Amino acid sequence: ARRSAAAALGLALGWAALGPVPAARAAEPPPWQVVQVADFGE
């Protein structure tokens, strides 16, 4: 889970689709997003 570039990219796309973020939510930290899933075995 990465909270820097991947989270910022996800939020930027969300803002473009949903419009401006309300002021009350603007100060909230961005949510964590899963950017990689790896399964190498047991």
ModelCIF file with pLDDT and N, C-alpha, C, O atoms, coordinates in Angstrom:
data_MODEL
#
_entry.id   MODEL 
#
_entity.id                         1 
_entity.type                       polymer 
_entity.pdbx_number_of_molecules   1 
#
_entity_poly.entity_id                      1 
_entity_poly.type                           'polypeptide(L)' 
_entity_poly.nstd_linkage                   no 
_entity_poly.nstd_monomer                   no 
_entity_poly.pdbx_seq_one_letter_code       ARRSAAAALGLALGWAALGPVPAARAAEPPPWQVVQVADFGE 
_entity_poly.pdbx_seq_one_letter_code_can   ARRSAAAALGLALGWAALGPVPAARAAEPPPWQVVQVADFGE 
_entity_poly.pdbx_strand_id                 A 
#
loop_
_entity_poly_seq.entity_id 
_entity_poly_seq.num 
_entity_poly_seq.mon_id 
_entity_poly_seq.hetero 
1 1  ALA n 
1 2  ARG n 
1 3  ARG n 
1 4  SER n 
1 5  ALA n 
1 6  ALA n 
1 7  ALA n 
1 8  ALA n 
1 9  LEU n 
1 10 GLY n 
1 11 LEU n 
1 12 ALA n 
1 13 LEU n 
1 14 GLY n 
1 15 TRP n 
1 16 ALA n 
1 17 ALA n 
1 18 LEU n 
1 19 GLY n 
1 20 PRO n 
1 21 VAL n 
1 22 PRO n 
1 23 ALA n 
1 24 ALA n 
1 25 ARG n 
1 26 ALA n 
1 27 ALA n 
1 28 GLU n 
1 29 PRO n 
1 30 PRO n 
1 31 PRO n 
1 32 TRP n 
1 33 GLN n 
1 34 VAL n 
1 35 VAL n 
1 36 GLN n 
1 37 VAL n 
1 38 ALA n 
1 39 ASP n 
1 40 PHE n 
1 41 GLY n 
1 42 GLU n 
#
_struct_asym.id          A 
_struct_asym.entity_id   1 
#
loop_
_ma_qa_metric.id 
_ma_qa_metric.mode 
_ma_qa_metric.name 
_ma_qa_metric.software_group_id 
_ma_qa_metric.type 
1 global pLDDT . pLDDT 
2 local  pLDDT . pLDDT 
#
_ma_qa_metric_global.metric_id      1 
_ma_qa_metric_global.metric_value   52.05 
_ma_qa_metric_global.model_id       1 
_ma_qa_metric_global.ordinal_id     1 
#
loop_
_ma_qa_metric_local.label_asym_id 
_ma_qa_metric_local.label_comp_id 
_ma_qa_metric_local.label_seq_id 
_ma_qa_metric_local.metric_id 
_ma_qa_metric_local.metric_value 
_ma_qa_metric_local.model_id 
_ma_qa_metric_local.ordinal_id 
A ALA 1  2 41.00 1 1  
A ARG 2  2 39.00 1 2  
A ARG 3  2 36.00 1 3  
A SER 4  2 34.00 1 4  
A ALA 5  2 32.00 1 5  
A ALA 6  2 31.00 1 6  
A ALA 7  2 29.00 1 7  
A ALA 8  2 28.00 1 8  
A LEU 9  2 28.00 1 9  
A GLY 10 2 25.00 1 10 
A LEU 11 2 25.00 1 11 
A ALA 12 2 23.00 1 12 
A LEU 13 2 23.00 1 13 
A GLY 14 2 25.00 1 14 
A TRP 15 2 32.00 1 15 
A ALA 16 2 33.00 1 16 
A ALA 17 2 35.00 1 17 
A LEU 18 2 37.00 1 18 
A GLY 19 2 44.00 1 19 
A PRO 20 2 52.00 1 20 
A VAL 21 2 48.00 1 21 
A PRO 22 2 55.00 1 22 
A ALA 23 2 55.00 1 23 
A ALA 24 2 54.00 1 24 
A ARG 25 2 58.00 1 25 
A ALA 26 2 60.00 1 26 
A ALA 27 2 71.00 1 27 
A GLU 28 2 80.00 1 28 
A PRO 29 2 82.00 1 29 
A PRO 30 2 83.00 1 30 
A PRO 31 2 87.00 1 31 
A TRP 32 2 86.00 1 32 
A GLN 33 2 81.00 1 33 
A VAL 34 2 83.00 1 34 
A VAL 35 2 76.00 1 35 
A GLN 36 2 72.00 1 36 
A VAL 37 2 72.00 1 37 
A ALA 38 2 68.00 1 38 
A ASP 39 2 69.00 1 39 
A PHE 40 2 65.00 1 40 
A GLY 41 2 64.00 1 41 
A GLU 42 2 65.00 1 42 
#
loop_
_atom_site.group_PDB 
_atom_site.id 
_atom_site.type_symbol 
_atom_site.label_atom_id 
_atom_site.label_alt_id 
_atom_site.label_comp_id 
_atom_site.label_asym_id 
_atom_site.label_entity_id 
_atom_site.label_seq_id 
_atom_site.pdbx_PDB_ins_code 
_atom_site.Cartn_x 
_atom_site.Cartn_y 
_atom_site.Cartn_z 
_atom_site.occupancy 
_atom_site.B_iso_or_equiv 
_atom_site.pdbx_formal_charge 
_atom_site.auth_seq_id 
_atom_site.auth_comp_id 
_atom_site.auth_asym_id 
_atom_site.auth_atom_id 
_atom_site.pdbx_PDB_model_num 
ATOM 1   N N  . ALA A 1 1  ? 0.861   -1.178  0.000   1.00 41.00 ? 1  ALA A N  1 
ATOM 2   C CA . ALA A 1 1  ? 0.000   0.000   0.000   1.00 41.00 ? 1  ALA A CA 1 
ATOM 3   C C  . ALA A 1 1  ? 0.893   1.222   0.000   1.00 41.00 ? 1  ALA A C  1 
ATOM 4   O O  . ALA A 1 1  ? 1.779   1.330   0.848   1.00 41.00 ? 1  ALA A O  1 
ATOM 5   N N  . ARG A 1 2  ? 0.689   2.143   -0.921  1.00 39.00 ? 2  ARG A N  1 
ATOM 6   C CA . ARG A 1 2  ? 1.528   3.318   -1.026  1.00 39.00 ? 2  ARG A CA 1 
ATOM 7   C C  . ARG A 1 2  ? 0.655   4.551   -0.987  1.00 39.00 ? 2  ARG A C  1 
ATOM 8   O O  . ARG A 1 2  ? -0.400  4.599   -1.619  1.00 39.00 ? 2  ARG A O  1 
ATOM 9   N N  . ARG A 1 3  ? 1.105   5.561   -0.232  1.00 36.00 ? 3  ARG A N  1 
ATOM 10  C CA . ARG A 1 3  ? 0.267   6.705   0.018   1.00 36.00 ? 3  ARG A CA 1 
ATOM 11  C C  . ARG A 1 3  ? 0.810   7.975   -0.638  1.00 36.00 ? 3  ARG A C  1 
ATOM 12  O O  . ARG A 1 3  ? 0.363   9.074   -0.311  1.00 36.00 ? 3  ARG A O  1 
ATOM 13  N N  . SER A 1 4  ? 1.754   7.841   -1.545  1.00 34.00 ? 4  SER A N  1 
ATOM 14  C CA . SER A 1 4  ? 2.319   9.027   -2.168  1.00 34.00 ? 4  SER A CA 1 
ATOM 15  C C  . SER A 1 4  ? 1.818   9.160   -3.594  1.00 34.00 ? 4  SER A C  1 
ATOM 16  O O  . SER A 1 4  ? 0.686   9.591   -3.812  1.00 34.00 ? 4  SER A O  1 
ATOM 17  N N  . ALA A 1 5  ? 2.637   8.798   -4.563  1.00 32.00 ? 5  ALA A N  1 
ATOM 18  C CA . ALA A 1 5  ? 2.276   9.046   -5.953  1.00 32.00 ? 5  ALA A CA 1 
ATOM 19  C C  . ALA A 1 5  ? 1.022   8.289   -6.387  1.00 32.00 ? 5  ALA A C  1 
ATOM 20  O O  . ALA A 1 5  ? 0.171   8.844   -7.081  1.00 32.00 ? 5  ALA A O  1 
ATOM 21  N N  . ALA A 1 6  ? 0.904   7.022   -5.981  1.00 31.00 ? 6  ALA A N  1 
ATOM 22  C CA . ALA A 1 6  ? -0.246  6.246   -6.423  1.00 31.00 ? 6  ALA A CA 1 
ATOM 23  C C  . ALA A 1 6  ? -1.536  6.816   -5.856  1.00 31.00 ? 6  ALA A C  1 
ATOM 24  O O  . ALA A 1 6  ? -2.538  6.930   -6.563  1.00 31.00 ? 6  ALA A O  1 
ATOM 25  N N  . ALA A 1 7  ? -1.507  7.175   -4.572  1.00 29.00 ? 7  ALA A N  1 
ATOM 26  C CA . ALA A 1 7  ? -2.708  7.750   -3.969  1.00 29.00 ? 7  ALA A CA 1 
ATOM 27  C C  . ALA A 1 7  ? -3.046  9.089   -4.603  1.00 29.00 ? 7  ALA A C  1 
ATOM 28  O O  . ALA A 1 7  ? -4.217  9.383   -4.845  1.00 29.00 ? 7  ALA A O  1 
ATOM 29  N N  . ALA A 1 8  ? -2.039  9.895   -4.873  1.00 28.00 ? 8  ALA A N  1 
ATOM 30  C CA . ALA A 1 8  ? -2.277  11.203  -5.480  1.00 28.00 ? 8  ALA A CA 1 
ATOM 31  C C  . ALA A 1 8  ? -2.857  11.051  -6.881  1.00 28.00 ? 8  ALA A C  1 
ATOM 32  O O  . ALA A 1 8  ? -3.742  11.812  -7.272  1.00 28.00 ? 8  ALA A O  1 
ATOM 33  N N  . LEU A 1 9  ? -2.369  10.084  -7.629  1.00 28.00 ? 9  LEU A N  1 
ATOM 34  C CA . LEU A 1 9  ? -2.880  9.848   -8.970  1.00 28.00 ? 9  LEU A CA 1 
ATOM 35  C C  . LEU A 1 9  ? -4.336  9.409   -8.914  1.00 28.00 ? 9  LEU A C  1 
ATOM 36  O O  . LEU A 1 9  ? -5.168  9.885   -9.685  1.00 28.00 ? 9  LEU A O  1 
ATOM 37  N N  . GLY A 1 10 ? -4.634  8.502   -7.999  1.00 25.00 ? 10 GLY A N  1 
ATOM 38  C CA . GLY A 1 10 ? -6.015  8.044   -7.874  1.00 25.00 ? 10 GLY A CA 1 
ATOM 39  C C  . GLY A 1 10 ? -6.953  9.180   -7.508  1.00 25.00 ? 10 GLY A C  1 
ATOM 40  O O  . GLY A 1 10 ? -8.070  9.243   -8.022  1.00 25.00 ? 10 GLY A O  1 
ATOM 41  N N  . LEU A 1 11 ? -6.528  10.074  -6.637  1.00 25.00 ? 11 LEU A N  1 
ATOM 42  C CA . LEU A 1 11 ? -7.367  11.193  -6.242  1.00 25.00 ? 11 LEU A CA 1 
ATOM 43  C C  . LEU A 1 11 ? -7.535  12.187  -7.384  1.00 25.00 ? 11 LEU A C  1 
ATOM 44  O O  . LEU A 1 11 ? -8.612  12.751  -7.579  1.00 25.00 ? 11 LEU A O  1 
ATOM 45  N N  . ALA A 1 12 ? -6.469  12.392  -8.129  1.00 23.00 ? 12 ALA A N  1 
ATOM 46  C CA . ALA A 1 12 ? -6.568  13.334  -9.249  1.00 23.00 ? 12 ALA A CA 1 
ATOM 47  C C  . ALA A 1 12 ? -7.593  12.863  -10.263 1.00 23.00 ? 12 ALA A C  1 
ATOM 48  O O  . ALA A 1 12 ? -8.363  13.666  -10.791 1.00 23.00 ? 12 ALA A O  1 
ATOM 49  N N  . LEU A 1 13 ? -7.608  11.587  -10.532 1.00 23.00 ? 13 LEU A N  1 
ATOM 50  C CA . LEU A 1 13 ? -8.596  11.054  -11.465 1.00 23.00 ? 13 LEU A CA 1 
ATOM 51  C C  . LEU A 1 13 ? -9.997  11.174  -10.885 1.00 23.00 ? 13 LEU A C  1 
ATOM 52  O O  . LEU A 1 13 ? -10.954 11.467  -11.602 1.00 23.00 ? 13 LEU A O  1 
ATOM 53  N N  . GLY A 1 14 ? -10.108 10.945  -9.571  1.00 25.00 ? 14 GLY A N  1 
ATOM 54  C CA . GLY A 1 14 ? -11.408 11.051  -8.930  1.00 25.00 ? 14 GLY A CA 1 
ATOM 55  C C  . GLY A 1 14 ? -11.951 12.464  -8.957  1.00 25.00 ? 14 GLY A C  1 
ATOM 56  O O  . GLY A 1 14 ? -13.141 12.671  -9.194  1.00 25.00 ? 14 GLY A O  1 
ATOM 57  N N  . TRP A 1 15 ? -11.088 13.439  -8.715  1.00 32.00 ? 15 TRP A N  1 
ATOM 58  C CA . TRP A 1 15 ? -11.516 14.835  -8.747  1.00 32.00 ? 15 TRP A CA 1 
ATOM 59  C C  . TRP A 1 15 ? -11.964 15.245  -10.147 1.00 32.00 ? 15 TRP A C  1 
ATOM 60  O O  . TRP A 1 15 ? -12.931 15.991  -10.305 1.00 32.00 ? 15 TRP A O  1 
ATOM 61  N N  . ALA A 1 16 ? -11.262 14.758  -11.146 1.00 33.00 ? 16 ALA A N  1 
ATOM 62  C CA . ALA A 1 16 ? -11.620 15.124  -12.516 1.00 33.00 ? 16 ALA A CA 1 
ATOM 63  C C  . ALA A 1 16 ? -13.000 14.598  -12.882 1.00 33.00 ? 16 ALA A C  1 
ATOM 64  O O  . ALA A 1 16 ? -13.739 15.221  -13.644 1.00 33.00 ? 16 ALA A O  1 
ATOM 65  N N  . ALA A 1 17 ? -13.333 13.431  -12.319 1.00 35.00 ? 17 ALA A N  1 
ATOM 66  C CA . ALA A 1 17 ? -14.608 12.817  -12.671 1.00 35.00 ? 17 ALA A CA 1 
ATOM 67  C C  . ALA A 1 17 ? -15.760 13.324  -11.812 1.00 35.00 ? 17 ALA A C  1 
ATOM 68  O O  . ALA A 1 17 ? -16.896 13.415  -12.277 1.00 35.00 ? 17 ALA A O  1 
ATOM 69  N N  . LEU A 1 18 ? -15.461 13.655  -10.555 1.00 37.00 ? 18 LEU A N  1 
ATOM 70  C CA . LEU A 1 18 ? -16.521 13.994  -9.620  1.00 37.00 ? 18 LEU A CA 1 
ATOM 71  C C  . LEU A 1 18 ? -16.636 15.480  -9.320  1.00 37.00 ? 18 LEU A C  1 
ATOM 72  O O  . LEU A 1 18 ? -17.594 15.899  -8.669  1.00 37.00 ? 18 LEU A O  1 
ATOM 73  N N  . GLY A 1 19 ? -15.698 16.277  -9.772  1.00 44.00 ? 19 GLY A N  1 
ATOM 74  C CA . GLY A 1 19 ? -15.749 17.711  -9.509  1.00 44.00 ? 19 GLY A CA 1 
ATOM 75  C C  . GLY A 1 19 ? -14.947 18.089  -8.287  1.00 44.00 ? 19 GLY A C  1 
ATOM 76  O O  . GLY A 1 19 ? -14.251 17.244  -7.724  1.00 44.00 ? 19 GLY A O  1 
ATOM 77  N N  . PRO A 1 20 ? -15.025 19.341  -7.858  1.00 52.00 ? 20 PRO A N  1 
ATOM 78  C CA . PRO A 1 20 ? -14.227 19.817  -6.733  1.00 52.00 ? 20 PRO A CA 1 
ATOM 79  C C  . PRO A 1 20 ? -14.560 19.068  -5.454  1.00 52.00 ? 20 PRO A C  1 
ATOM 80  O O  . PRO A 1 20 ? -15.693 18.638  -5.238  1.00 52.00 ? 20 PRO A O  1 
ATOM 81  N N  . VAL A 1 21 ? -13.536 18.923  -4.603  1.00 48.00 ? 21 VAL A N  1 
ATOM 82  C CA . VAL A 1 21 ? -13.713 18.272  -3.317  1.00 48.00 ? 21 VAL A CA 1 
ATOM 83  C C  . VAL A 1 21 ? -14.213 19.296  -2.315  1.00 48.00 ? 21 VAL A C  1 
ATOM 84  O O  . VAL A 1 21 ? -13.644 20.385  -2.240  1.00 48.00 ? 21 VAL A O  1 
ATOM 85  N N  . PRO A 1 22 ? -15.261 18.998  -1.532  1.00 55.00 ? 22 PRO A N  1 
ATOM 86  C CA . PRO A 1 22 ? -15.755 19.932  -0.519  1.00 55.00 ? 22 PRO A CA 1 
ATOM 87  C C  . PRO A 1 22 ? -14.652 20.350  0.429   1.00 55.00 ? 22 PRO A C  1 
ATOM 88  O O  . PRO A 1 22 ? -13.745 19.572  0.723   1.00 55.00 ? 22 PRO A O  1 
ATOM 89  N N  . ALA A 1 23 ? -14.734 21.606  0.916   1.00 55.00 ? 23 ALA A N  1 
ATOM 90  C CA . ALA A 1 23 ? -13.680 22.141  1.779   1.00 55.00 ? 23 ALA A CA 1 
ATOM 91  C C  . ALA A 1 23 ? -13.484 21.287  3.020   1.00 55.00 ? 23 ALA A C  1 
ATOM 92  O O  . ALA A 1 23 ? -12.359 21.138  3.496   1.00 55.00 ? 23 ALA A O  1 
ATOM 93  N N  . ALA A 1 24 ? -14.564 20.727  3.548   1.00 54.00 ? 24 ALA A N  1 
ATOM 94  C CA . ALA A 1 24 ? -14.467 19.926  4.765   1.00 54.00 ? 24 ALA A CA 1 
ATOM 95  C C  . ALA A 1 24 ? -13.634 18.670  4.549   1.00 54.00 ? 24 ALA A C  1 
ATOM 96  O O  . ALA A 1 24 ? -13.032 18.148  5.487   1.00 54.00 ? 24 ALA A O  1 
ATOM 97  N N  . ARG A 1 25 ? -13.602 18.191  3.318   1.00 58.00 ? 25 ARG A N  1 
ATOM 98  C CA . ARG A 1 25 ? -12.851 16.979  3.019   1.00 58.00 ? 25 ARG A CA 1 
ATOM 99  C C  . ARG A 1 25 ? -11.473 17.265  2.472   1.00 58.00 ? 25 ARG A C  1 
ATOM 100 O O  . ARG A 1 25 ? -10.642 16.360  2.388   1.00 58.00 ? 25 ARG A O  1 
ATOM 101 N N  . ALA A 1 26 ? -11.212 18.504  2.097   1.00 60.00 ? 26 ALA A N  1 
ATOM 102 C CA . ALA A 1 26 ? -9.940  18.833  1.456   1.00 60.00 ? 26 ALA A CA 1 
ATOM 103 C C  . ALA A 1 26 ? -8.758  18.569  2.376   1.00 60.00 ? 26 ALA A C  1 
ATOM 104 O O  . ALA A 1 26 ? -7.676  18.213  1.908   1.00 60.00 ? 26 ALA A O  1 
ATOM 105 N N  . ALA A 1 27 ? -8.954  18.742  3.691   1.00 71.00 ? 27 ALA A N  1 
ATOM 106 C CA . ALA A 1 27 ? -7.850  18.566  4.627   1.00 71.00 ? 27 ALA A CA 1 
ATOM 107 C C  . ALA A 1 27 ? -7.636  17.116  5.026   1.00 71.00 ? 27 ALA A C  1 
ATOM 108 O O  . ALA A 1 27 ? -6.639  16.801  5.675   1.00 71.00 ? 27 ALA A O  1 
ATOM 109 N N  . GLU A 1 28 ? -8.538  16.236  4.656   1.00 80.00 ? 28 GLU A N  1 
ATOM 110 C CA . GLU A 1 28 ? -8.393  14.836  5.019   1.00 80.00 ? 28 GLU A CA 1 
ATOM 111 C C  . GLU A 1 28 ? -7.235  14.203  4.243   1.00 80.00 ? 28 GLU A C  1 
ATOM 112 O O  . GLU A 1 28 ? -7.033  14.502  3.066   1.00 80.00 ? 28 GLU A O  1 
ATOM 113 N N  . PRO A 1 29 ? -6.482  13.332  4.906   1.00 82.00 ? 29 PRO A N  1 
ATOM 114 C CA . PRO A 1 29 ? -5.385  12.667  4.193   1.00 82.00 ? 29 PRO A CA 1 
ATOM 115 C C  . PRO A 1 29 ? -5.933  11.736  3.127   1.00 82.00 ? 29 PRO A C  1 
ATOM 116 O O  . PRO A 1 29 ? -7.017  11.177  3.297   1.00 82.00 ? 29 PRO A O  1 
ATOM 117 N N  . PRO A 1 30 ? -5.209  11.557  2.034   1.00 83.00 ? 30 PRO A N  1 
ATOM 118 C CA . PRO A 1 30 ? -5.680  10.657  0.972   1.00 83.00 ? 30 PRO A CA 1 
ATOM 119 C C  . PRO A 1 30 ? -5.735  9.224   1.483   1.00 83.00 ? 30 PRO A C  1 
ATOM 120 O O  . PRO A 1 30 ? -4.938  8.846   2.341   1.00 83.00 ? 30 PRO A O  1 
ATOM 121 N N  . PRO A 1 31 ? -6.654  8.429   0.974   1.00 87.00 ? 31 PRO A N  1 
ATOM 122 C CA . PRO A 1 31 ? -6.763  7.036   1.429   1.00 87.00 ? 31 PRO A CA 1 
ATOM 123 C C  . PRO A 1 31 ? -5.627  6.179   0.878   1.00 87.00 ? 31 PRO A C  1 
ATOM 124 O O  . PRO A 1 31 ? -5.053  6.470   -0.171  1.00 87.00 ? 31 PRO A O  1 
ATOM 125 N N  . TRP A 1 32 ? -5.327  5.131   1.605   1.00 86.00 ? 32 TRP A N  1 
ATOM 126 C CA . TRP A 1 32 ? -4.356  4.171   1.106   1.00 86.00 ? 32 TRP A CA 1 
ATOM 127 C C  . TRP A 1 32 ? -4.956  3.397   -0.059  1.00 86.00 ? 32 TRP A C  1 
ATOM 128 O O  . TRP A 1 32 ? -6.147  3.086   -0.077  1.00 86.00 ? 32 TRP A O  1 
ATOM 129 N N  . GLN A 1 33 ? -4.100  3.096   -1.030  1.00 81.00 ? 33 GLN A N  1 
ATOM 130 C CA . GLN A 1 33 ? -4.531  2.310   -2.178  1.00 81.00 ? 33 GLN A CA 1 
ATOM 131 C C  . GLN A 1 33 ? -3.557  1.161   -2.401  1.00 81.00 ? 33 GLN A C  1 
ATOM 132 O O  . GLN A 1 33 ? -2.347  1.324   -2.241  1.00 81.00 ? 33 GLN A O  1 
ATOM 133 N N  . VAL A 1 34 ? -4.074  0.025   -2.764  1.00 83.00 ? 34 VAL A N  1 
ATOM 134 C CA . VAL A 1 34 ? -3.231  -1.121  -3.105  1.00 83.00 ? 34 VAL A CA 1 
ATOM 135 C C  . VAL A 1 34 ? -2.674  -0.897  -4.502  1.00 83.00 ? 34 VAL A C  1 
ATOM 136 O O  . VAL A 1 34 ? -3.432  -0.764  -5.463  1.00 83.00 ? 34 VAL A O  1 
ATOM 137 N N  . VAL A 1 35 ? -1.353  -0.855  -4.615  1.00 76.00 ? 35 VAL A N  1 
ATOM 138 C CA . VAL A 1 35 ? -0.740  -0.601  -5.919  1.00 76.00 ? 35 VAL A CA 1 
ATOM 139 C C  . VAL A 1 35 ? -0.020  -1.835  -6.477  1.00 76.00 ? 35 VAL A C  1 
ATOM 140 O O  . VAL A 1 35 ? 0.415   -1.839  -7.628  1.00 76.00 ? 35 VAL A O  1 
ATOM 141 N N  . GLN A 1 36 ? 0.098   -2.869  -5.658  1.00 72.00 ? 36 GLN A N  1 
ATOM 142 C CA . GLN A 1 36 ? 0.746   -4.081  -6.142  1.00 72.00 ? 36 GLN A CA 1 
ATOM 143 C C  . GLN A 1 36 ? 0.288   -5.269  -5.318  1.00 72.00 ? 36 GLN A C  1 
ATOM 144 O O  . GLN A 1 36 ? 0.222   -5.196  -4.091  1.00 72.00 ? 36 GLN A O  1 
ATOM 145 N N  . VAL A 1 37 ? -0.024  -6.357  -5.991  1.00 72.00 ? 37 VAL A N  1 
ATOM 146 C CA . VAL A 1 37 ? -0.345  -7.618  -5.337  1.00 72.00 ? 37 VAL A CA 1 
ATOM 147 C C  . VAL A 1 37 ? 0.604   -8.668  -5.898  1.00 72.00 ? 37 VAL A C  1 
ATOM 148 O O  . VAL A 1 37 ? 0.702   -8.842  -7.113  1.00 72.00 ? 37 VAL A O  1 
ATOM 149 N N  . ALA A 1 38 ? 1.301   -9.367  -5.007  1.00 68.00 ? 38 ALA A N  1 
ATOM 150 C CA . ALA A 1 38 ? 2.276   -10.364 -5.451  1.00 68.00 ? 38 ALA A CA 1 
ATOM 151 C C  . ALA A 1 38 ? 2.003   -11.689 -4.762  1.00 68.00 ? 38 ALA A C  1 
ATOM 152 O O  . ALA A 1 38 ? 1.734   -11.723 -3.561  1.00 68.00 ? 38 ALA A O  1 
ATOM 153 N N  . ASP A 1 39 ? 2.069   -12.769 -5.507  1.00 69.00 ? 39 ASP A N  1 
ATOM 154 C CA . ASP A 1 39 ? 1.879   -14.102 -4.952  1.00 69.00 ? 39 ASP A CA 1 
ATOM 155 C C  . ASP A 1 39 ? 2.960   -14.998 -5.524  1.00 69.00 ? 39 ASP A C  1 
ATOM 156 O O  . ASP A 1 39 ? 2.916   -15.379 -6.694  1.00 69.00 ? 39 ASP A O  1 
ATOM 157 N N  . PHE A 1 40 ? 3.937   -15.332 -4.678  1.00 65.00 ? 40 PHE A N  1 
ATOM 158 C CA . PHE A 1 40 ? 5.060   -16.127 -5.140  1.00 65.00 ? 40 PHE A CA 1 
ATOM 159 C C  . PHE A 1 40 ? 4.999   -17.572 -4.663  1.00 65.00 ? 40 PHE A C  1 
ATOM 160 O O  . PHE A 1 40 ? 5.885   -18.371 -4.967  1.00 65.00 ? 40 PHE A O  1 
ATOM 161 N N  . GLY A 1 41 ? 3.972   -17.897 -3.930  1.00 64.00 ? 41 GLY A N  1 
ATOM 162 C CA . GLY A 1 41 ? 3.864   -19.270 -3.483  1.00 64.00 ? 41 GLY A CA 1 
ATOM 163 C C  . GLY A 1 41 ? 3.463   -19.369 -2.023  1.00 64.00 ? 41 GLY A C  1 
ATOM 164 O O  . GLY A 1 41 ? 3.074   -18.388 -1.390  1.00 64.00 ? 41 GLY A O  1 
ATOM 165 N N  . GLU A 1 42 ? 3.570   -20.570 -1.520  1.00 65.00 ? 42 GLU A N  1 
ATOM 166 C CA . GLU A 1 42 ? 3.069   -20.895 -0.185  1.00 65.00 ? 42 GLU A CA 1 
ATOM 167 C C  . GLU A 1 42 ? 3.795   -20.146 0.922   1.00 65.00 ? 42 GLU A C  1 
ATOM 168 O O  . GLU A 1 42 ? 3.478   -20.322 2.098   1.00 65.00 ? 42 GLU A O  1 
#
